[in-house]
Amino acid sequence: MLNLIKIKGQKKEDAANANGKPPAKKQSPGELRLHKDIAELNLPKSTRISFPNGKDDLMNFEVTIRPDEGYYVGGKFIFTFQVPPAYPHEPPKVKCKTKVYHPNIDLEGNVCLNILREDWKPVLNVNTIVYGLNLLFSQPNDEDPLNHEAAAVLRDNPEKFERNVQRAMAGGYVGETHFPRCM
C-alpha cells in the first residue's frame, strides 16, 4: 500500500516535469507569511520596494525611502531586508546601504529600531518595519542612538544637526567622515 502512494506521487511529479515546468518548490511558513505581508503592503508615496534577485527570492529585498518631510527631505536611502526562515518568529535583518548621518543608523548601516530587536512580535510585519523606518527620518531619536555624535548634536544644537545632515546628503564631510551624495 505504501508503495502505491509513493508511485502515485512520482507520477504526479513526472507529469509536472513533462509540461516543461520544474516541480514547484514547497514554500516554508516564513515564505508564505512574507508573501502575504508583501501582497498587503501599504507603502507611502515616498517608499518603494524592489527585488534585486528577482521575485523568486522574496526573502531578500530592498526598500527605498525618499523622505518628504523633516531633516532628510530630498534624500534617497536604501535598506536591505534579509528575512530569516523562522519569520515571523524572528525579525528580518535590516541594514541601510546608504551611508547616512543619523543618530539611529551607524556608519556601517546598522539600524536602531526597537521592533527589529527586543520589541519584535510575530504579529508585526514588513509594513510595520517600513513605517518605523520612515518615522526615523521624520523624527530621529537622540535617546537611543547608534551614532552617539549625531545624537549629541541633535540634542544640543538642532540647527548644526540640520547643517550636518544637508552637508552629508550633498556628498560632503561631517567631521572626518565623508558621506557619498544621496540626493
N, C-alpha and C. Protein backbone atom coordinates (compact mmCIF):
# COMPACT_ATOMS: atom_id res chain seq x y z
N MET A 1 0.83 -1.19 0.00
CA MET A 1 0.00 0.00 0.00
C MET A 1 0.87 1.26 0.00
N LEU A 2 1.91 1.24 0.83
CA LEU A 2 2.80 2.38 0.92
C LEU A 2 3.49 2.64 -0.42
N ASN A 3 3.83 1.59 -1.10
CA ASN A 3 4.48 1.70 -2.39
C ASN A 3 3.58 2.37 -3.42
N LEU A 4 2.27 2.10 -3.37
CA LEU A 4 1.32 2.70 -4.31
C LEU A 4 1.26 4.22 -4.14
N ILE A 5 1.28 4.67 -2.90
CA ILE A 5 1.24 6.10 -2.63
C ILE A 5 2.50 6.76 -3.17
N LYS A 6 3.64 6.10 -2.98
CA LYS A 6 4.91 6.64 -3.47
C LYS A 6 4.91 6.70 -5.00
N ILE A 7 4.39 5.66 -5.64
CA ILE A 7 4.34 5.62 -7.11
C ILE A 7 3.40 6.70 -7.63
N LYS A 8 2.26 6.89 -6.97
CA LYS A 8 1.30 7.92 -7.38
C LYS A 8 1.95 9.31 -7.29
N GLY A 9 2.67 9.56 -6.21
CA GLY A 9 3.37 10.84 -6.04
C GLY A 9 4.42 11.04 -7.12
N GLN A 10 5.14 9.97 -7.47
CA GLN A 10 6.17 10.06 -8.52
C GLN A 10 5.53 10.36 -9.87
N LYS A 11 4.35 9.77 -10.14
CA LYS A 11 3.66 10.02 -11.40
C LYS A 11 3.24 11.49 -11.51
N LYS A 12 2.76 12.07 -10.40
CA LYS A 12 2.39 13.49 -10.41
C LYS A 12 3.60 14.36 -10.72
N GLU A 13 4.72 14.03 -10.10
CA GLU A 13 5.95 14.80 -10.31
C GLU A 13 6.42 14.66 -11.75
N ASP A 14 6.36 13.43 -12.30
CA ASP A 14 6.76 13.21 -13.69
C ASP A 14 5.85 13.97 -14.64
N ALA A 15 4.55 14.03 -14.35
CA ALA A 15 3.60 14.75 -15.19
C ALA A 15 3.93 16.25 -15.18
N ALA A 16 4.26 16.77 -14.03
CA ALA A 16 4.62 18.20 -13.94
C ALA A 16 5.88 18.47 -14.74
N ASN A 17 6.86 17.56 -14.66
CA ASN A 17 8.11 17.74 -15.40
C ASN A 17 7.88 17.60 -16.90
N ALA A 18 6.92 16.80 -17.31
CA ALA A 18 6.62 16.61 -18.72
C ALA A 18 6.07 17.90 -19.34
N ASN A 19 5.46 18.74 -18.54
CA ASN A 19 4.93 20.02 -19.03
C ASN A 19 6.04 21.05 -19.22
N GLY A 20 7.26 20.68 -18.95
CA GLY A 20 8.38 21.60 -19.09
C GLY A 20 8.60 22.49 -17.88
N LYS A 21 7.80 22.30 -16.86
CA LYS A 21 7.94 23.11 -15.66
C LYS A 21 8.64 22.29 -14.59
N PRO A 22 9.56 22.92 -13.87
CA PRO A 22 10.18 22.19 -12.76
C PRO A 22 9.15 21.98 -11.66
N PRO A 23 9.35 20.95 -10.85
CA PRO A 23 8.40 20.75 -9.76
C PRO A 23 8.38 21.98 -8.85
N ALA A 24 7.19 22.32 -8.39
CA ALA A 24 7.04 23.51 -7.54
C ALA A 24 7.78 23.31 -6.23
N LYS A 25 8.54 24.34 -5.85
CA LYS A 25 9.28 24.30 -4.59
C LYS A 25 8.29 24.59 -3.47
N LYS A 26 8.33 23.76 -2.47
CA LYS A 26 7.43 23.95 -1.34
C LYS A 26 7.91 25.16 -0.54
N GLN A 27 6.99 26.08 -0.26
CA GLN A 27 7.34 27.28 0.48
C GLN A 27 7.29 27.00 1.98
N SER A 28 8.26 27.59 2.68
CA SER A 28 8.27 27.48 4.14
C SER A 28 7.17 28.36 4.71
N PRO A 29 6.77 28.12 5.96
CA PRO A 29 5.77 29.00 6.58
C PRO A 29 6.21 30.47 6.57
N GLY A 30 7.51 30.71 6.75
CA GLY A 30 8.02 32.08 6.71
C GLY A 30 7.84 32.72 5.34
N GLU A 31 8.09 31.95 4.27
CA GLU A 31 7.91 32.47 2.91
C GLU A 31 6.44 32.75 2.64
N LEU A 32 5.57 31.86 3.10
CA LEU A 32 4.12 32.08 2.92
C LEU A 32 3.68 33.35 3.62
N ARG A 33 4.13 33.54 4.84
CA ARG A 33 3.75 34.74 5.60
C ARG A 33 4.31 35.99 4.93
N LEU A 34 5.57 35.93 4.47
CA LEU A 34 6.18 37.08 3.82
C LEU A 34 5.44 37.42 2.53
N HIS A 35 5.05 36.40 1.78
CA HIS A 35 4.28 36.62 0.54
C HIS A 35 3.00 37.39 0.86
N LYS A 36 2.32 36.99 1.93
CA LYS A 36 1.10 37.67 2.37
C LYS A 36 1.41 39.11 2.78
N ASP A 37 2.47 39.29 3.56
CA ASP A 37 2.86 40.64 4.01
C ASP A 37 3.13 41.56 2.82
N ILE A 38 3.86 41.06 1.84
CA ILE A 38 4.20 41.89 0.68
C ILE A 38 2.96 42.21 -0.14
N ALA A 39 2.08 41.23 -0.28
CA ALA A 39 0.83 41.47 -1.03
C ALA A 39 -0.03 42.53 -0.35
N GLU A 40 0.07 42.64 0.96
CA GLU A 40 -0.76 43.59 1.72
C GLU A 40 -0.04 44.90 2.04
N LEU A 41 1.16 45.11 1.47
CA LEU A 41 1.91 46.33 1.76
C LEU A 41 1.11 47.57 1.39
N ASN A 42 1.17 48.56 2.26
CA ASN A 42 0.53 49.84 2.02
C ASN A 42 1.61 50.91 2.17
N LEU A 43 2.43 51.04 1.13
CA LEU A 43 3.59 51.92 1.20
C LEU A 43 3.21 53.37 0.96
N PRO A 44 3.85 54.28 1.70
CA PRO A 44 3.65 55.70 1.39
C PRO A 44 4.26 56.02 0.02
N LYS A 45 3.84 57.13 -0.57
CA LYS A 45 4.34 57.50 -1.90
C LYS A 45 5.85 57.67 -1.93
N SER A 46 6.44 57.96 -0.79
CA SER A 46 7.88 58.20 -0.71
C SER A 46 8.70 56.92 -0.58
N THR A 47 8.04 55.77 -0.64
CA THR A 47 8.72 54.49 -0.38
C THR A 47 8.46 53.49 -1.51
N ARG A 48 9.51 52.78 -1.91
CA ARG A 48 9.41 51.76 -2.96
C ARG A 48 10.07 50.47 -2.47
N ILE A 49 9.59 49.35 -3.01
CA ILE A 49 10.19 48.04 -2.71
C ILE A 49 10.69 47.46 -4.02
N SER A 50 11.83 46.78 -3.98
CA SER A 50 12.37 46.12 -5.17
C SER A 50 13.00 44.79 -4.78
N PHE A 51 13.13 43.93 -5.77
CA PHE A 51 13.68 42.59 -5.57
C PHE A 51 14.89 42.41 -6.49
N PRO A 52 16.08 42.82 -6.02
CA PRO A 52 17.28 42.77 -6.87
C PRO A 52 17.60 41.37 -7.40
N ASN A 53 17.23 40.33 -6.66
CA ASN A 53 17.50 38.95 -7.08
C ASN A 53 16.32 38.35 -7.83
N GLY A 54 15.31 39.14 -8.15
CA GLY A 54 14.11 38.65 -8.82
C GLY A 54 13.04 38.27 -7.80
N LYS A 55 11.82 38.19 -8.28
CA LYS A 55 10.67 37.91 -7.40
C LYS A 55 10.71 36.49 -6.84
N ASP A 56 11.57 35.62 -7.39
CA ASP A 56 11.67 34.27 -6.85
C ASP A 56 12.38 34.26 -5.49
N ASP A 57 13.10 35.32 -5.19
CA ASP A 57 13.80 35.42 -3.91
C ASP A 57 13.13 36.48 -3.04
N LEU A 58 11.97 36.13 -2.51
CA LEU A 58 11.21 37.06 -1.67
C LEU A 58 11.91 37.36 -0.36
N MET A 59 12.76 36.47 0.09
CA MET A 59 13.37 36.60 1.41
C MET A 59 14.46 37.68 1.46
N ASN A 60 14.84 38.21 0.31
CA ASN A 60 15.84 39.28 0.24
C ASN A 60 15.32 40.37 -0.69
N PHE A 61 15.13 41.55 -0.14
CA PHE A 61 14.62 42.65 -0.96
C PHE A 61 15.15 43.97 -0.43
N GLU A 62 14.85 45.03 -1.18
CA GLU A 62 15.29 46.37 -0.79
C GLU A 62 14.10 47.30 -0.70
N VAL A 63 14.20 48.23 0.22
CA VAL A 63 13.19 49.28 0.38
C VAL A 63 13.93 50.61 0.23
N THR A 64 13.42 51.46 -0.67
CA THR A 64 13.99 52.79 -0.88
C THR A 64 13.04 53.82 -0.29
N ILE A 65 13.59 54.67 0.55
CA ILE A 65 12.80 55.72 1.19
C ILE A 65 13.34 57.08 0.75
N ARG A 66 12.43 57.93 0.28
CA ARG A 66 12.73 59.31 -0.08
C ARG A 66 11.89 60.21 0.82
N PRO A 67 12.42 60.58 1.99
CA PRO A 67 11.61 61.35 2.94
C PRO A 67 11.04 62.63 2.31
N ASP A 68 9.79 62.92 2.62
CA ASP A 68 9.16 64.12 2.09
C ASP A 68 8.93 65.18 3.17
N GLU A 69 9.53 64.95 4.36
CA GLU A 69 9.47 65.95 5.42
C GLU A 69 10.65 65.72 6.37
N GLY A 70 10.92 66.73 7.17
CA GLY A 70 11.97 66.61 8.18
C GLY A 70 13.36 66.94 7.66
N TYR A 71 14.37 66.61 8.46
CA TYR A 71 15.76 66.93 8.14
C TYR A 71 16.23 66.27 6.84
N TYR A 72 15.68 65.12 6.50
CA TYR A 72 16.21 64.30 5.41
C TYR A 72 15.45 64.43 4.11
N VAL A 73 14.57 65.44 4.01
CA VAL A 73 13.78 65.64 2.79
C VAL A 73 14.74 65.80 1.60
N GLY A 74 14.41 65.13 0.50
CA GLY A 74 15.25 65.19 -0.70
C GLY A 74 16.29 64.09 -0.78
N GLY A 75 16.48 63.35 0.30
CA GLY A 75 17.46 62.26 0.30
C GLY A 75 16.86 60.97 -0.23
N LYS A 76 17.73 60.05 -0.57
CA LYS A 76 17.31 58.72 -1.04
C LYS A 76 18.11 57.69 -0.24
N PHE A 77 17.39 56.84 0.50
CA PHE A 77 18.03 55.90 1.41
C PHE A 77 17.54 54.48 1.10
N ILE A 78 18.49 53.58 0.89
CA ILE A 78 18.16 52.20 0.51
C ILE A 78 18.46 51.27 1.67
N PHE A 79 17.48 50.43 2.00
CA PHE A 79 17.60 49.46 3.07
C PHE A 79 17.48 48.06 2.49
N THR A 80 18.36 47.15 2.95
CA THR A 80 18.25 45.75 2.56
C THR A 80 17.52 45.00 3.67
N PHE A 81 16.67 44.10 3.26
CA PHE A 81 15.94 43.23 4.19
C PHE A 81 16.36 41.80 3.90
N GLN A 82 16.79 41.07 4.92
CA GLN A 82 17.06 39.64 4.83
C GLN A 82 16.12 38.98 5.82
N VAL A 83 15.18 38.23 5.28
CA VAL A 83 14.14 37.62 6.11
C VAL A 83 14.55 36.19 6.44
N PRO A 84 14.62 35.85 7.73
CA PRO A 84 15.04 34.50 8.12
C PRO A 84 13.93 33.48 7.87
N PRO A 85 14.30 32.21 7.71
CA PRO A 85 13.28 31.17 7.51
C PRO A 85 12.29 31.09 8.67
N ALA A 86 12.69 31.50 9.87
CA ALA A 86 11.81 31.43 11.04
C ALA A 86 10.85 32.63 11.13
N TYR A 87 10.86 33.51 10.13
CA TYR A 87 9.93 34.64 10.12
C TYR A 87 8.51 34.10 10.17
N PRO A 88 7.61 34.65 10.92
CA PRO A 88 7.63 35.90 11.67
C PRO A 88 8.07 35.74 13.13
N HIS A 89 8.57 34.58 13.50
CA HIS A 89 9.01 34.38 14.89
C HIS A 89 10.35 35.06 15.15
N GLU A 90 11.08 35.38 14.09
CA GLU A 90 12.31 36.17 14.18
C GLU A 90 12.16 37.36 13.23
N PRO A 91 12.66 38.52 13.61
CA PRO A 91 12.52 39.69 12.73
C PRO A 91 13.49 39.63 11.55
N PRO A 92 13.18 40.35 10.48
CA PRO A 92 14.14 40.47 9.38
C PRO A 92 15.38 41.23 9.83
N LYS A 93 16.49 40.97 9.15
CA LYS A 93 17.72 41.75 9.36
C LYS A 93 17.64 42.92 8.38
N VAL A 94 17.72 44.12 8.90
CA VAL A 94 17.59 45.32 8.08
C VAL A 94 18.86 46.14 8.20
N LYS A 95 19.43 46.52 7.05
CA LYS A 95 20.64 47.35 7.01
C LYS A 95 20.40 48.50 6.05
N CYS A 96 21.00 49.63 6.36
CA CYS A 96 20.94 50.79 5.47
C CYS A 96 22.17 50.75 4.56
N LYS A 97 21.94 50.62 3.24
CA LYS A 97 23.05 50.59 2.28
C LYS A 97 23.63 51.98 2.05
N THR A 98 22.83 53.00 2.31
CA THR A 98 23.23 54.38 2.09
C THR A 98 23.92 54.91 3.35
N LYS A 99 25.14 55.38 3.22
CA LYS A 99 25.84 55.96 4.37
C LYS A 99 25.13 57.26 4.72
N VAL A 100 24.69 57.36 5.97
CA VAL A 100 23.86 58.49 6.37
C VAL A 100 24.29 59.02 7.74
N TYR A 101 24.21 60.33 7.90
CA TYR A 101 24.46 60.98 9.19
C TYR A 101 23.14 60.98 9.93
N HIS A 102 22.99 60.04 10.86
CA HIS A 102 21.71 59.85 11.55
C HIS A 102 21.98 59.27 12.93
N PRO A 103 21.28 59.75 13.96
CA PRO A 103 21.52 59.21 15.30
C PRO A 103 21.15 57.73 15.46
N ASN A 104 20.22 57.25 14.64
CA ASN A 104 19.72 55.88 14.81
C ASN A 104 20.23 54.91 13.76
N ILE A 105 21.18 55.36 12.93
CA ILE A 105 21.80 54.50 11.92
C ILE A 105 23.30 54.74 12.00
N ASP A 106 24.07 53.68 12.27
CA ASP A 106 25.51 53.90 12.38
C ASP A 106 26.17 53.89 11.00
N LEU A 107 27.46 54.16 10.96
CA LEU A 107 28.16 54.30 9.69
C LEU A 107 28.32 52.97 8.95
N GLU A 108 28.05 51.85 9.62
CA GLU A 108 28.08 50.53 8.97
C GLU A 108 26.69 50.14 8.45
N GLY A 109 25.68 50.98 8.69
CA GLY A 109 24.34 50.70 8.19
C GLY A 109 23.43 49.99 9.17
N ASN A 110 23.90 49.73 10.38
CA ASN A 110 23.04 49.11 11.38
C ASN A 110 21.95 50.09 11.79
N VAL A 111 20.75 49.57 11.98
CA VAL A 111 19.59 50.41 12.26
C VAL A 111 19.10 50.16 13.68
N CYS A 112 18.91 51.24 14.43
CA CYS A 112 18.38 51.14 15.79
C CYS A 112 16.88 51.39 15.74
N LEU A 113 16.14 50.31 15.65
CA LEU A 113 14.68 50.36 15.64
C LEU A 113 14.22 49.25 16.57
N ASN A 114 13.58 49.61 17.66
CA ASN A 114 13.27 48.63 18.72
C ASN A 114 12.49 47.43 18.22
N ILE A 115 11.64 47.61 17.20
CA ILE A 115 10.86 46.46 16.71
C ILE A 115 11.71 45.47 15.93
N LEU A 116 12.94 45.83 15.62
CA LEU A 116 13.85 44.88 14.97
C LEU A 116 14.66 44.10 15.99
N ARG A 117 14.46 44.42 17.27
CA ARG A 117 15.21 43.75 18.33
C ARG A 117 14.24 43.24 19.39
N GLU A 118 14.34 43.82 20.58
CA GLU A 118 13.62 43.29 21.74
C GLU A 118 12.11 43.43 21.65
N ASP A 119 11.59 44.38 20.88
CA ASP A 119 10.14 44.58 20.80
C ASP A 119 9.49 43.84 19.64
N TRP A 120 10.23 42.98 18.96
CA TRP A 120 9.65 42.22 17.84
C TRP A 120 8.63 41.22 18.36
N LYS A 121 7.50 41.14 17.66
CA LYS A 121 6.46 40.15 17.95
C LYS A 121 5.99 39.58 16.62
N PRO A 122 5.60 38.31 16.58
CA PRO A 122 5.16 37.71 15.31
C PRO A 122 3.97 38.40 14.65
N VAL A 123 3.21 39.19 15.40
CA VAL A 123 2.08 39.89 14.77
C VAL A 123 2.55 41.10 13.96
N LEU A 124 3.80 41.54 14.16
CA LEU A 124 4.33 42.64 13.37
C LEU A 124 4.68 42.14 11.98
N ASN A 125 4.81 43.07 11.03
CA ASN A 125 5.07 42.66 9.65
C ASN A 125 5.98 43.67 8.95
N VAL A 126 6.22 43.43 7.67
CA VAL A 126 7.10 44.29 6.88
C VAL A 126 6.55 45.72 6.85
N ASN A 127 5.25 45.86 6.73
CA ASN A 127 4.65 47.19 6.70
C ASN A 127 4.99 47.97 7.97
N THR A 128 4.96 47.30 9.11
CA THR A 128 5.29 47.94 10.39
C THR A 128 6.74 48.42 10.39
N ILE A 129 7.64 47.60 9.86
CA ILE A 129 9.06 47.97 9.81
C ILE A 129 9.26 49.18 8.90
N VAL A 130 8.62 49.16 7.73
CA VAL A 130 8.75 50.27 6.79
C VAL A 130 8.21 51.56 7.42
N TYR A 131 7.10 51.45 8.12
CA TYR A 131 6.55 52.60 8.83
C TYR A 131 7.57 53.13 9.85
N GLY A 132 8.19 52.21 10.60
CA GLY A 132 9.20 52.60 11.59
C GLY A 132 10.41 53.27 10.95
N LEU A 133 10.86 52.76 9.80
CA LEU A 133 11.99 53.37 9.10
C LEU A 133 11.64 54.79 8.64
N ASN A 134 10.44 54.96 8.11
CA ASN A 134 10.01 56.30 7.70
C ASN A 134 9.98 57.24 8.90
N LEU A 135 9.53 56.73 10.03
CA LEU A 135 9.46 57.54 11.25
C LEU A 135 10.85 57.98 11.71
N LEU A 136 11.86 57.12 11.51
CA LEU A 136 13.23 57.51 11.88
C LEU A 136 13.68 58.75 11.13
N PHE A 137 13.22 58.91 9.89
CA PHE A 137 13.63 60.08 9.10
C PHE A 137 12.83 61.32 9.45
N SER A 138 11.58 61.16 9.82
CA SER A 138 10.79 62.34 10.18
C SER A 138 11.00 62.73 11.64
N GLN A 139 11.36 61.76 12.49
CA GLN A 139 11.56 62.04 13.92
C GLN A 139 12.77 61.27 14.45
N PRO A 140 13.99 61.69 14.09
CA PRO A 140 15.16 60.99 14.62
C PRO A 140 15.16 61.03 16.14
N ASN A 141 15.63 59.95 16.75
CA ASN A 141 15.57 59.79 18.21
C ASN A 141 16.98 59.90 18.80
N ASP A 142 17.21 60.94 19.60
CA ASP A 142 18.53 61.10 20.21
C ASP A 142 18.67 60.36 21.54
N GLU A 143 17.61 59.68 21.97
CA GLU A 143 17.64 59.00 23.27
C GLU A 143 18.13 57.55 23.20
N ASP A 144 18.10 56.94 22.02
CA ASP A 144 18.54 55.54 21.86
C ASP A 144 19.41 55.46 20.61
N PRO A 145 20.59 56.11 20.63
CA PRO A 145 21.37 56.24 19.40
C PRO A 145 22.33 55.10 19.12
N LEU A 146 22.65 54.95 17.85
CA LEU A 146 23.80 54.14 17.42
C LEU A 146 24.95 55.07 17.07
N ASN A 147 24.63 56.23 16.53
CA ASN A 147 25.63 57.25 16.22
C ASN A 147 25.53 58.31 17.33
N HIS A 148 26.34 58.13 18.37
CA HIS A 148 26.26 58.99 19.55
C HIS A 148 26.61 60.45 19.25
N GLU A 149 27.56 60.66 18.35
CA GLU A 149 27.95 62.03 18.00
C GLU A 149 26.77 62.76 17.35
N ALA A 150 26.11 62.12 16.39
CA ALA A 150 24.96 62.74 15.73
C ALA A 150 23.83 63.00 16.73
N ALA A 151 23.63 62.07 17.65
CA ALA A 151 22.58 62.23 18.67
C ALA A 151 22.88 63.43 19.57
N ALA A 152 24.15 63.59 19.96
CA ALA A 152 24.52 64.72 20.82
C ALA A 152 24.31 66.05 20.11
N VAL A 153 24.65 66.11 18.82
CA VAL A 153 24.46 67.35 18.06
C VAL A 153 22.97 67.63 17.91
N LEU A 154 22.17 66.61 17.62
CA LEU A 154 20.71 66.80 17.50
C LEU A 154 20.14 67.34 18.81
N ARG A 155 20.57 66.78 19.91
CA ARG A 155 20.05 67.17 21.22
C ARG A 155 20.50 68.59 21.61
N ASP A 156 21.79 68.89 21.38
CA ASP A 156 22.37 70.13 21.88
C ASP A 156 22.30 71.31 20.90
N ASN A 157 22.24 71.00 19.60
CA ASN A 157 22.29 72.08 18.61
C ASN A 157 21.56 71.64 17.33
N PRO A 158 20.22 71.65 17.34
CA PRO A 158 19.44 71.18 16.19
C PRO A 158 19.78 71.89 14.87
N GLU A 159 20.15 73.16 14.93
CA GLU A 159 20.50 73.88 13.70
C GLU A 159 21.78 73.31 13.09
N LYS A 160 22.76 73.03 13.93
CA LYS A 160 24.01 72.43 13.45
C LYS A 160 23.73 71.02 12.92
N PHE A 161 22.86 70.28 13.60
CA PHE A 161 22.49 68.94 13.13
C PHE A 161 21.92 69.03 11.72
N GLU A 162 21.02 69.98 11.51
CA GLU A 162 20.42 70.14 10.18
C GLU A 162 21.48 70.47 9.13
N ARG A 163 22.42 71.34 9.46
CA ARG A 163 23.51 71.66 8.52
C ARG A 163 24.35 70.41 8.22
N ASN A 164 24.64 69.63 9.26
CA ASN A 164 25.42 68.39 9.07
C ASN A 164 24.69 67.41 8.16
N VAL A 165 23.38 67.26 8.37
CA VAL A 165 22.59 66.35 7.53
C VAL A 165 22.65 66.81 6.08
N GLN A 166 22.45 68.10 5.84
CA GLN A 166 22.47 68.63 4.47
C GLN A 166 23.85 68.44 3.83
N ARG A 167 24.90 68.70 4.59
CA ARG A 167 26.27 68.53 4.08
C ARG A 167 26.51 67.05 3.73
N ALA A 168 26.10 66.16 4.61
CA ALA A 168 26.29 64.72 4.36
C ALA A 168 25.50 64.27 3.13
N MET A 169 24.25 64.68 3.02
CA MET A 169 23.43 64.25 1.88
C MET A 169 23.96 64.83 0.56
N ALA A 170 24.61 65.99 0.62
CA ALA A 170 25.16 66.62 -0.58
C ALA A 170 26.48 65.98 -1.02
N GLY A 171 27.01 65.08 -0.20
CA GLY A 171 28.25 64.39 -0.55
C GLY A 171 29.47 65.03 0.07
N GLY A 172 29.31 65.57 1.26
CA GLY A 172 30.43 66.24 1.92
C GLY A 172 30.92 65.51 3.15
N TYR A 173 31.72 66.21 3.91
CA TYR A 173 32.29 65.68 5.15
C TYR A 173 31.52 66.23 6.34
N VAL A 174 31.36 65.38 7.34
CA VAL A 174 30.92 65.80 8.66
C VAL A 174 32.03 65.32 9.59
N GLY A 175 32.75 66.29 10.16
CA GLY A 175 33.95 65.91 10.91
C GLY A 175 34.95 65.31 9.94
N GLU A 176 35.43 64.11 10.25
CA GLU A 176 36.40 63.44 9.38
C GLU A 176 35.77 62.36 8.52
N THR A 177 34.45 62.29 8.56
CA THR A 177 33.74 61.23 7.83
C THR A 177 33.14 61.78 6.54
N HIS A 178 33.46 61.12 5.42
CA HIS A 178 32.89 61.51 4.13
C HIS A 178 31.62 60.71 3.88
N PHE A 179 30.62 61.40 3.36
CA PHE A 179 29.35 60.77 3.02
C PHE A 179 29.12 60.93 1.52
N PRO A 180 28.83 59.83 0.81
CA PRO A 180 28.50 59.94 -0.62
C PRO A 180 27.18 60.69 -0.80
N ARG A 181 27.06 61.37 -1.91
CA ARG A 181 25.84 62.11 -2.23
C ARG A 181 24.66 61.14 -2.28
N CYS A 182 23.56 61.54 -1.66
CA CYS A 182 22.36 60.68 -1.68
C CYS A 182 21.10 61.49 -1.97
N MET A 183 21.26 62.59 -2.68
CA MET A 183 20.12 63.45 -3.03
C MET A 183 19.71 63.22 -4.47
